[in-house]
PDB file of N, CA and C in Angstrom:
ATOM      1  N   MET A   1       6.787 -14.288  25.755  1.00  0.00           N
ATOM      2  CA  MET A   1       6.634 -12.848  25.871  1.00  0.00           C
ATOM      3  C   MET A   1       5.949 -12.308  24.613  1.00  0.00           C
ATOM      4  N   ALA A   2       5.001 -11.432  24.777  1.00  0.00           N
ATOM      5  CA  ALA A   2       4.243 -10.890  23.662  1.00  0.00           C
ATOM      6  C   ALA A   2       5.089  -9.916  22.846  1.00  0.00           C
ATOM      7  N   GLU A   3       4.810  -9.885  21.555  1.00  0.00           N
ATOM      8  CA  GLU A   3       5.515  -8.932  20.706  1.00  0.00           C
ATOM      9  C   GLU A   3       5.129  -7.510  21.075  1.00  0.00           C
ATOM     10  N   LYS A   4       6.085  -6.612  20.953  1.00  0.00           N
ATOM     11  CA  LYS A   4       5.862  -5.199  21.245  1.00  0.00           C
ATOM     12  C   LYS A   4       5.836  -4.416  19.936  1.00  0.00           C
ATOM     13  N   SER A   5       4.993  -3.406  19.894  1.00  0.00           N
ATOM     14  CA  SER A   5       4.870  -2.564  18.705  1.00  0.00           C
ATOM     15  C   SER A   5       6.031  -1.561  18.649  1.00  0.00           C
ATOM     16  N   MET A   6       6.759  -1.603  17.542  1.00  0.00           N
ATOM     17  CA  MET A   6       7.875  -0.674  17.351  1.00  0.00           C
ATOM     18  C   MET A   6       7.361   0.762  17.324  1.00  0.00           C
ATOM     19  N   ALA A   7       6.243   1.007  16.635  1.00  0.00           N
ATOM     20  CA  ALA A   7       5.703   2.360  16.505  1.00  0.00           C
ATOM     21  C   ALA A   7       5.321   2.937  17.873  1.00  0.00           C
ATOM     22  N   ILE A   8       4.650   2.129  18.700  1.00  0.00           N
ATOM     23  CA  ILE A   8       4.250   2.607  20.025  1.00  0.00           C
ATOM     24  C   ILE A   8       5.478   2.872  20.885  1.00  0.00           C
ATOM     25  N   ALA A   9       6.441   1.958  20.857  1.00  0.00           N
ATOM     26  CA  ALA A   9       7.655   2.121  21.664  1.00  0.00           C
ATOM     27  C   ALA A   9       8.406   3.387  21.273  1.00  0.00           C
ATOM     28  N   LEU A  10       8.555   3.623  19.974  1.00  0.00           N
ATOM     29  CA  LEU A  10       9.281   4.814  19.526  1.00  0.00           C
ATOM     30  C   LEU A  10       8.501   6.091  19.819  1.00  0.00           C
ATOM     31  N   LEU A  11       7.185   6.035  19.719  1.00  0.00           N
ATOM     32  CA  LEU A  11       6.366   7.205  20.049  1.00  0.00           C
ATOM     33  C   LEU A  11       6.493   7.551  21.526  1.00  0.00           C
ATOM     34  N   ILE A  12       6.433   6.540  22.382  1.00  0.00           N
ATOM     35  CA  ILE A  12       6.600   6.779  23.818  1.00  0.00           C
ATOM     36  C   ILE A  12       7.974   7.377  24.084  1.00  0.00           C
ATOM     37  N   SER A  13       9.013   6.818  23.453  1.00  0.00           N
ATOM     38  CA  SER A  13      10.371   7.302  23.672  1.00  0.00           C
ATOM     39  C   SER A  13      10.584   8.691  23.063  1.00  0.00           C
ATOM     40  N   LEU A  14       9.851   9.002  22.021  1.00  0.00           N
ATOM     41  CA  LEU A  14       9.937  10.330  21.417  1.00  0.00           C
ATOM     42  C   LEU A  14       9.453  11.395  22.401  1.00  0.00           C
ATOM     43  N   ILE A  15       8.384  11.085  23.118  1.00  0.00           N
ATOM     44  CA  ILE A  15       7.789  12.037  24.047  1.00  0.00           C
ATOM     45  C   ILE A  15       8.455  11.988  25.418  1.00  0.00           C
ATOM     46  N   PHE A  16       8.681  10.780  25.912  1.00  0.00           N
ATOM     47  CA  PHE A  16       9.285  10.573  27.235  1.00  0.00           C
ATOM     48  C   PHE A  16      10.544   9.742  27.066  1.00  0.00           C
ATOM     49  N   THR A  17      11.676  10.410  26.994  1.00  0.00           N
ATOM     50  CA  THR A  17      12.950   9.755  26.741  1.00  0.00           C
ATOM     51  C   THR A  17      13.139   8.533  27.629  1.00  0.00           C
ATOM     52  N   GLY A  18      13.372   7.384  27.004  1.00  0.00           N
ATOM     53  CA  GLY A  18      13.682   6.167  27.731  1.00  0.00           C
ATOM     54  C   GLY A  18      12.503   5.286  28.082  1.00  0.00           C
ATOM     55  N   LEU A  19      11.319   5.842  28.167  1.00  0.00           N
ATOM     56  CA  LEU A  19      10.185   5.036  28.606  1.00  0.00           C
ATOM     57  C   LEU A  19       9.720   4.041  27.542  1.00  0.00           C
ATOM     58  N   GLY A  20      10.132   4.240  26.309  1.00  0.00           N
ATOM     59  CA  GLY A  20       9.879   3.235  25.284  1.00  0.00           C
ATOM     60  C   GLY A  20      10.640   1.949  25.573  1.00  0.00           C
ATOM     61  N   ILE A  21      11.802   2.090  26.200  1.00  0.00           N
ATOM     62  CA  ILE A  21      12.591   0.925  26.608  1.00  0.00           C
ATOM     63  C   ILE A  21      11.842   0.179  27.702  1.00  0.00           C
ATOM     64  N   ALA A  22      11.270   0.927  28.630  1.00  0.00           N
ATOM     65  CA  ALA A  22      10.485   0.306  29.703  1.00  0.00           C
ATOM     66  C   ALA A  22       9.287  -0.423  29.119  1.00  0.00           C
ATOM     67  N   TYR A  23       8.637   0.177  28.139  1.00  0.00           N
ATOM     68  CA  TYR A  23       7.497  -0.469  27.461  1.00  0.00           C
ATOM     69  C   TYR A  23       7.934  -1.784  26.822  1.00  0.00           C
ATOM     70  N   ALA A  24       9.128  -1.789  26.243  1.00  0.00           N
ATOM     71  CA  ALA A  24       9.619  -2.984  25.558  1.00  0.00           C
ATOM     72  C   ALA A  24      10.009  -4.088  26.530  1.00  0.00           C
ATOM     73  N   GLY A  25      10.247  -3.735  27.793  1.00  0.00           N
ATOM     74  CA  GLY A  25      10.532  -4.786  28.762  1.00  0.00           C
ATOM     75  C   GLY A  25      11.664  -4.510  29.726  1.00  0.00           C
ATOM     76  N   ASP A  26      12.588  -3.617  29.388  1.00  0.00           N
ATOM     77  CA  ASP A  26      13.718  -3.326  30.289  1.00  0.00           C
ATOM     78  C   ASP A  26      13.370  -2.097  31.127  1.00  0.00           C
ATOM     79  N   THR A  27      12.549  -2.308  32.144  1.00  0.00           N
ATOM     80  CA  THR A  27      12.026  -1.212  32.956  1.00  0.00           C
ATOM     81  C   THR A  27      13.131  -0.439  33.655  1.00  0.00           C
ATOM     82  N   LYS A  28      14.080  -1.142  34.234  1.00  0.00           N
ATOM     83  CA  LYS A  28      15.159  -0.479  34.982  1.00  0.00           C
ATOM     84  C   LYS A  28      15.947   0.482  34.076  1.00  0.00           C
ATOM     85  N   LYS A  29      16.379   0.004  32.933  1.00  0.00           N
ATOM     86  CA  LYS A  29      17.149   0.836  32.010  1.00  0.00           C
ATOM     87  C   LYS A  29      16.326   2.027  31.518  1.00  0.00           C
ATOM     88  N   GLY A  30      15.062   1.783  31.206  1.00  0.00           N
ATOM     89  CA  GLY A  30      14.189   2.846  30.719  1.00  0.00           C
ATOM     90  C   GLY A  30      13.990   3.949  31.745  1.00  0.00           C
ATOM     91  N   VAL A  31      13.747   3.571  32.989  1.00  0.00           N
ATOM     92  CA  VAL A  31      13.527   4.569  34.039  1.00  0.00           C
ATOM     93  C   VAL A  31      14.812   5.335  34.327  1.00  0.00           C
ATOM     94  N   ILE A  32      15.949   4.658  34.319  1.00  0.00           N
ATOM     95  CA  ILE A  32      17.229   5.341  34.551  1.00  0.00           C
ATOM     96  C   ILE A  32      17.474   6.392  33.476  1.00  0.00           C
ATOM     97  N   ILE A  33      17.265   6.053  32.222  1.00  0.00           N
ATOM     98  CA  ILE A  33      17.457   7.019  31.128  1.00  0.00           C
ATOM     99  C   ILE A  33      16.467   8.171  31.261  1.00  0.00           C
ATOM    100  N   PHE A  34      15.226   7.875  31.628  1.00  0.00           N
ATOM    101  CA  PHE A  34      14.210   8.908  31.821  1.00  0.00           C
ATOM    102  C   PHE A  34      14.627   9.893  32.921  1.00  0.00           C
ATOM    103  N   VAL A  35      15.091   9.386  34.043  1.00  0.00           N
ATOM    104  CA  VAL A  35      15.507  10.245  35.162  1.00  0.00           C
ATOM    105  C   VAL A  35      16.728  11.077  34.778  1.00  0.00           C
ATOM    106  N   ILE A  36      17.692  10.466  34.102  1.00  0.00           N
ATOM    107  CA  ILE A  36      18.873  11.211  33.649  1.00  0.00           C
ATOM    108  C   ILE A  36      18.460  12.344  32.717  1.00  0.00           C
ATOM    109  N   ALA A  37      17.538  12.074  31.803  1.00  0.00           N
ATOM    110  CA  ALA A  37      17.079  13.108  30.867  1.00  0.00           C
ATOM    111  C   ALA A  37      16.402  14.259  31.608  1.00  0.00           C
ATOM    112  N   ILE A  38      15.589  13.954  32.604  1.00  0.00           N
ATOM    113  CA  ILE A  38      14.929  15.012  33.386  1.00  0.00           C
ATOM    114  C   ILE A  38      15.962  15.865  34.106  1.00  0.00           C
ATOM    115  N   ILE A  39      16.921  15.216  34.749  1.00  0.00           N
ATOM    116  CA  ILE A  39      17.966  15.955  35.472  1.00  0.00           C
ATOM    117  C   ILE A  39      18.748  16.846  34.517  1.00  0.00           C
ATOM    118  N   LEU A  40      19.121  16.306  33.364  1.00  0.00           N
ATOM    119  CA  LEU A  40      19.874  17.101  32.388  1.00  0.00           C
ATOM    120  C   LEU A  40      19.053  18.277  31.868  1.00  0.00           C
ATOM    121  N   ASN A  41      17.758  18.083  31.656  1.00  0.00           N
ATOM    122  CA  ASN A  41      16.908  19.187  31.206  1.00  0.00           C
ATOM    123  C   ASN A  41      16.820  20.285  32.261  1.00  0.00           C
ATOM    124  N   ILE A  42      16.688  19.908  33.515  1.00  0.00           N
ATOM    125  CA  ILE A  42      16.635  20.903  34.593  1.00  0.00           C
ATOM    126  C   ILE A  42      17.954  21.653  34.681  1.00  0.00           C
ATOM    127  N   LEU A  43      19.067  20.917  34.617  1.00  0.00           N
ATOM    128  CA  LEU A  43      20.378  21.570  34.650  1.00  0.00           C
ATOM    129  C   LEU A  43      20.569  22.476  33.431  1.00  0.00           C
ATOM    130  N   GLY A  44      20.043  22.069  32.286  1.00  0.00           N
ATOM    131  CA  GLY A  44      20.133  22.892  31.080  1.00  0.00           C
ATOM    132  C   GLY A  44      19.374  24.193  31.215  1.00  0.00           C
ATOM    133  N   LEU A  45      18.271  24.166  31.944  1.00  0.00           N
ATOM    134  CA  LEU A  45      17.487  25.389  32.152  1.00  0.00           C
ATOM    135  C   LEU A  45      18.149  26.346  33.138  1.00  0.00           C
ATOM    136  N   TYR A  46      18.732  25.794  34.190  1.00  0.00           N
ATOM    137  CA  TYR A  46      19.184  26.642  35.290  1.00  0.00           C
ATOM    138  C   TYR A  46      20.697  26.786  35.426  1.00  0.00           C
ATOM    139  N   VAL A  47      21.473  25.914  34.802  1.00  0.00           N
ATOM    140  CA  VAL A  47      22.917  25.969  35.009  1.00  0.00           C
ATOM    141  C   VAL A  47      23.646  26.365  33.729  1.00  0.00           C
ATOM    142  N   SER A  48      23.586  25.504  32.721  1.00  0.00           N
ATOM    143  CA  SER A  48      24.344  25.752  31.506  1.00  0.00           C
ATOM    144  C   SER A  48      23.686  25.073  30.309  1.00  0.00           C
ATOM    145  N   MET A  49      23.818  25.676  29.166  1.00  0.00           N
ATOM    146  CA  MET A  49      23.251  25.150  27.924  1.00  0.00           C
ATOM    147  C   MET A  49      23.875  23.804  27.550  1.00  0.00           C
ATOM    148  N   ILE A  50      25.084  23.532  27.989  1.00  0.00           N
ATOM    149  CA  ILE A  50      25.758  22.271  27.652  1.00  0.00           C
ATOM    150  C   ILE A  50      24.939  21.071  28.125  1.00  0.00           C
ATOM    151  N   PHE A  51      24.237  21.211  29.248  1.00  0.00           N
ATOM    152  CA  PHE A  51      23.413  20.122  29.751  1.00  0.00           C
ATOM    153  C   PHE A  51      22.225  19.845  28.827  1.00  0.00           C
ATOM    154  N   SER A  52      21.732  20.880  28.172  1.00  0.00           N
ATOM    155  CA  SER A  52      20.650  20.694  27.196  1.00  0.00           C
ATOM    156  C   SER A  52      21.154  19.923  25.983  1.00  0.00           C
ATOM    157  N   ILE A  53      22.368  20.201  25.581  1.00  0.00           N
ATOM    158  CA  ILE A  53      22.966  19.484  24.458  1.00  0.00           C
ATOM    159  C   ILE A  53      23.171  18.020  24.824  1.00  0.00           C
ATOM    160  N   ILE A  54      23.671  17.774  26.026  1.00  0.00           N
ATOM    161  CA  ILE A  54      23.853  16.399  26.489  1.00  0.00           C
ATOM    162  C   ILE A  54      22.502  15.690  26.588  1.00  0.00           C
ATOM    163  N   SER A  55      21.492  16.418  27.047  1.00  0.00           N
ATOM    164  CA  SER A  55      20.145  15.857  27.137  1.00  0.00           C
ATOM    165  C   SER A  55      19.638  15.434  25.761  1.00  0.00           C
ATOM    166  N   PHE A  56      19.906  16.237  24.749  1.00  0.00           N
ATOM    167  CA  PHE A  56      19.519  15.892  23.385  1.00  0.00           C
ATOM    168  C   PHE A  56      20.211  14.611  22.936  1.00  0.00           C
ATOM    169  N   LEU A  57      21.489  14.463  23.279  1.00  0.00           N
ATOM    170  CA  LEU A  57      22.228  13.248  22.933  1.00  0.00           C
ATOM    171  C   LEU A  57      21.661  12.032  23.666  1.00  0.00           C
ATOM    172  N   VAL A  58      21.247  12.221  24.910  1.00  0.00           N
ATOM    173  CA  VAL A  58      20.609  11.134  25.662  1.00  0.00           C
ATOM    174  C   VAL A  58      19.287  10.762  25.005  1.00  0.00           C
ATOM    175  N   TRP A  59      18.555  11.747  24.501  1.00  0.00           N
ATOM    176  CA  TRP A  59      17.301  11.479  23.800  1.00  0.00           C
ATOM    177  C   TRP A  59      17.553  10.636  22.550  1.00  0.00           C
ATOM    178  N   ILE A  60      18.569  11.000  21.792  1.00  0.00           N
ATOM    179  CA  ILE A  60      18.936  10.233  20.592  1.00  0.00           C
ATOM    180  C   ILE A  60      19.290   8.791  20.992  1.00  0.00           C
ATOM    181  N   TYR A  61      20.097   8.657  22.043  1.00  0.00           N
ATOM    182  CA  TYR A  61      20.460   7.317  22.508  1.00  0.00           C
ATOM    183  C   TYR A  61      19.211   6.548  22.946  1.00  0.00           C
ATOM    184  N   GLY A  62      18.296   7.218  23.621  1.00  0.00           N
ATOM    185  CA  GLY A  62      17.065   6.578  24.066  1.00  0.00           C
ATOM    186  C   GLY A  62      16.247   6.032  22.906  1.00  0.00           C
ATOM    187  N   MET A  63      16.184   6.781  21.826  1.00  0.00           N
ATOM    188  CA  MET A  63      15.462   6.317  20.636  1.00  0.00           C
ATOM    189  C   MET A  63      16.153   5.077  20.051  1.00  0.00           C
ATOM    190  N   TYR A  64      17.469   5.138  19.941  1.00  0.00           N
ATOM    191  CA  TYR A  64      18.231   4.009  19.401  1.00  0.00           C
ATOM    192  C   TYR A  64      18.079   2.774  20.296  1.00  0.00           C
ATOM    193  N   ALA A  65      18.214   2.971  21.611  1.00  0.00           N
ATOM    194  CA  ALA A  65      18.099   1.856  22.552  1.00  0.00           C
ATOM    195  C   ALA A  65      16.691   1.265  22.532  1.00  0.00           C
ATOM    196  N   THR A  66      15.680   2.094  22.347  1.00  0.00           N
ATOM    197  CA  THR A  66      14.309   1.603  22.231  1.00  0.00           C
ATOM    198  C   THR A  66      14.172   0.717  21.001  1.00  0.00           C
ATOM    199  N   TYR A  67      14.693   1.173  19.893  1.00  0.00           N
ATOM    200  CA  TYR A  67      14.665   0.387  18.651  1.00  0.00           C
ATOM    201  C   TYR A  67      15.333  -0.967  18.859  1.00  0.00           C
ATOM    202  N   GLN A  68      16.517  -0.956  19.478  1.00  0.00           N
ATOM    203  CA  GLN A  68      17.255  -2.187  19.730  1.00  0.00           C
ATOM    204  C   GLN A  68      16.500  -3.113  20.676  1.00  0.00           C
ATOM    205  N   GLU A  69      15.924  -2.553  21.734  1.00  0.00           N
ATOM    206  CA  GLU A  69      15.217  -3.366  22.727  1.00  0.00           C
ATOM    207  C   GLU A  69      13.974  -4.025  22.130  1.00  0.00           C
ATOM    208  N   VAL A  70      13.230  -3.290  21.321  1.00  0.00           N
ATOM    209  CA  VAL A  70      12.032  -3.863  20.692  1.00  0.00           C
ATOM    210  C   VAL A  70      12.437  -4.984  19.726  1.00  0.00           C
ATOM    211  N   ASN A  71      13.499  -4.769  18.962  1.00  0.00           N
ATOM    212  CA  ASN A  71      13.974  -5.821  18.072  1.00  0.00           C
ATOM    213  C   ASN A  71      14.399  -7.053  18.861  1.00  0.00           C
ATOM    214  N   LEU A  72      15.048  -6.851  19.993  1.00  0.00           N
ATOM    215  CA  LEU A  72      15.480  -7.965  20.842  1.00  0.00           C
ATOM    216  C   LEU A  72      14.277  -8.745  21.382  1.00  0.00           C
ATOM    217  N   VAL A  73      13.282  -8.019  21.865  1.00  0.00           N
ATOM    218  CA  VAL A  73      12.086  -8.649  22.423  1.00  0.00           C
ATOM    219  C   VAL A  73      11.296  -9.390  21.348  1.00  0.00           C
ATOM    220  N   ASN A  74      11.223  -8.805  20.166  1.00  0.00           N
ATOM    221  CA  ASN A  74      10.452  -9.411  19.074  1.00  0.00           C
ATOM    222  C   ASN A  74      11.240 -10.478  18.318  1.00  0.00           C
ATOM    223  N   GLY A  75      12.497 -10.643  18.671  1.00  0.00           N
ATOM    224  CA  GLY A  75      13.302 -11.668  18.020  1.00  0.00           C
ATOM    225  C   GLY A  75      13.744 -11.320  16.611  1.00  0.00           C
ATOM    226  N   ALA A  76      13.786 -10.054  16.300  1.00  0.00           N
ATOM    227  CA  ALA A  76      14.175  -9.620  14.959  1.00  0.00           C
ATOM    228  C   ALA A  76      15.677  -9.475  14.839  1.00  0.00           C
TER     229      ALA A  76
END
């Protein structure tokens, strides 16, 4: 398996929560986090601010999980 760029993975995850994980190789996990983040953002806009806060926490987790996944793929 080819090495993945940490900078590219984190940049993708910074803009699109979770998709950096998909870039690193775990497509299923990345897409699930991405969909959850979208749902939480929509709920945050139309239902309650608490969903926006949870969405922010999911974003933080997505960045951390991207970092971990790239390290795993690169053997670091």
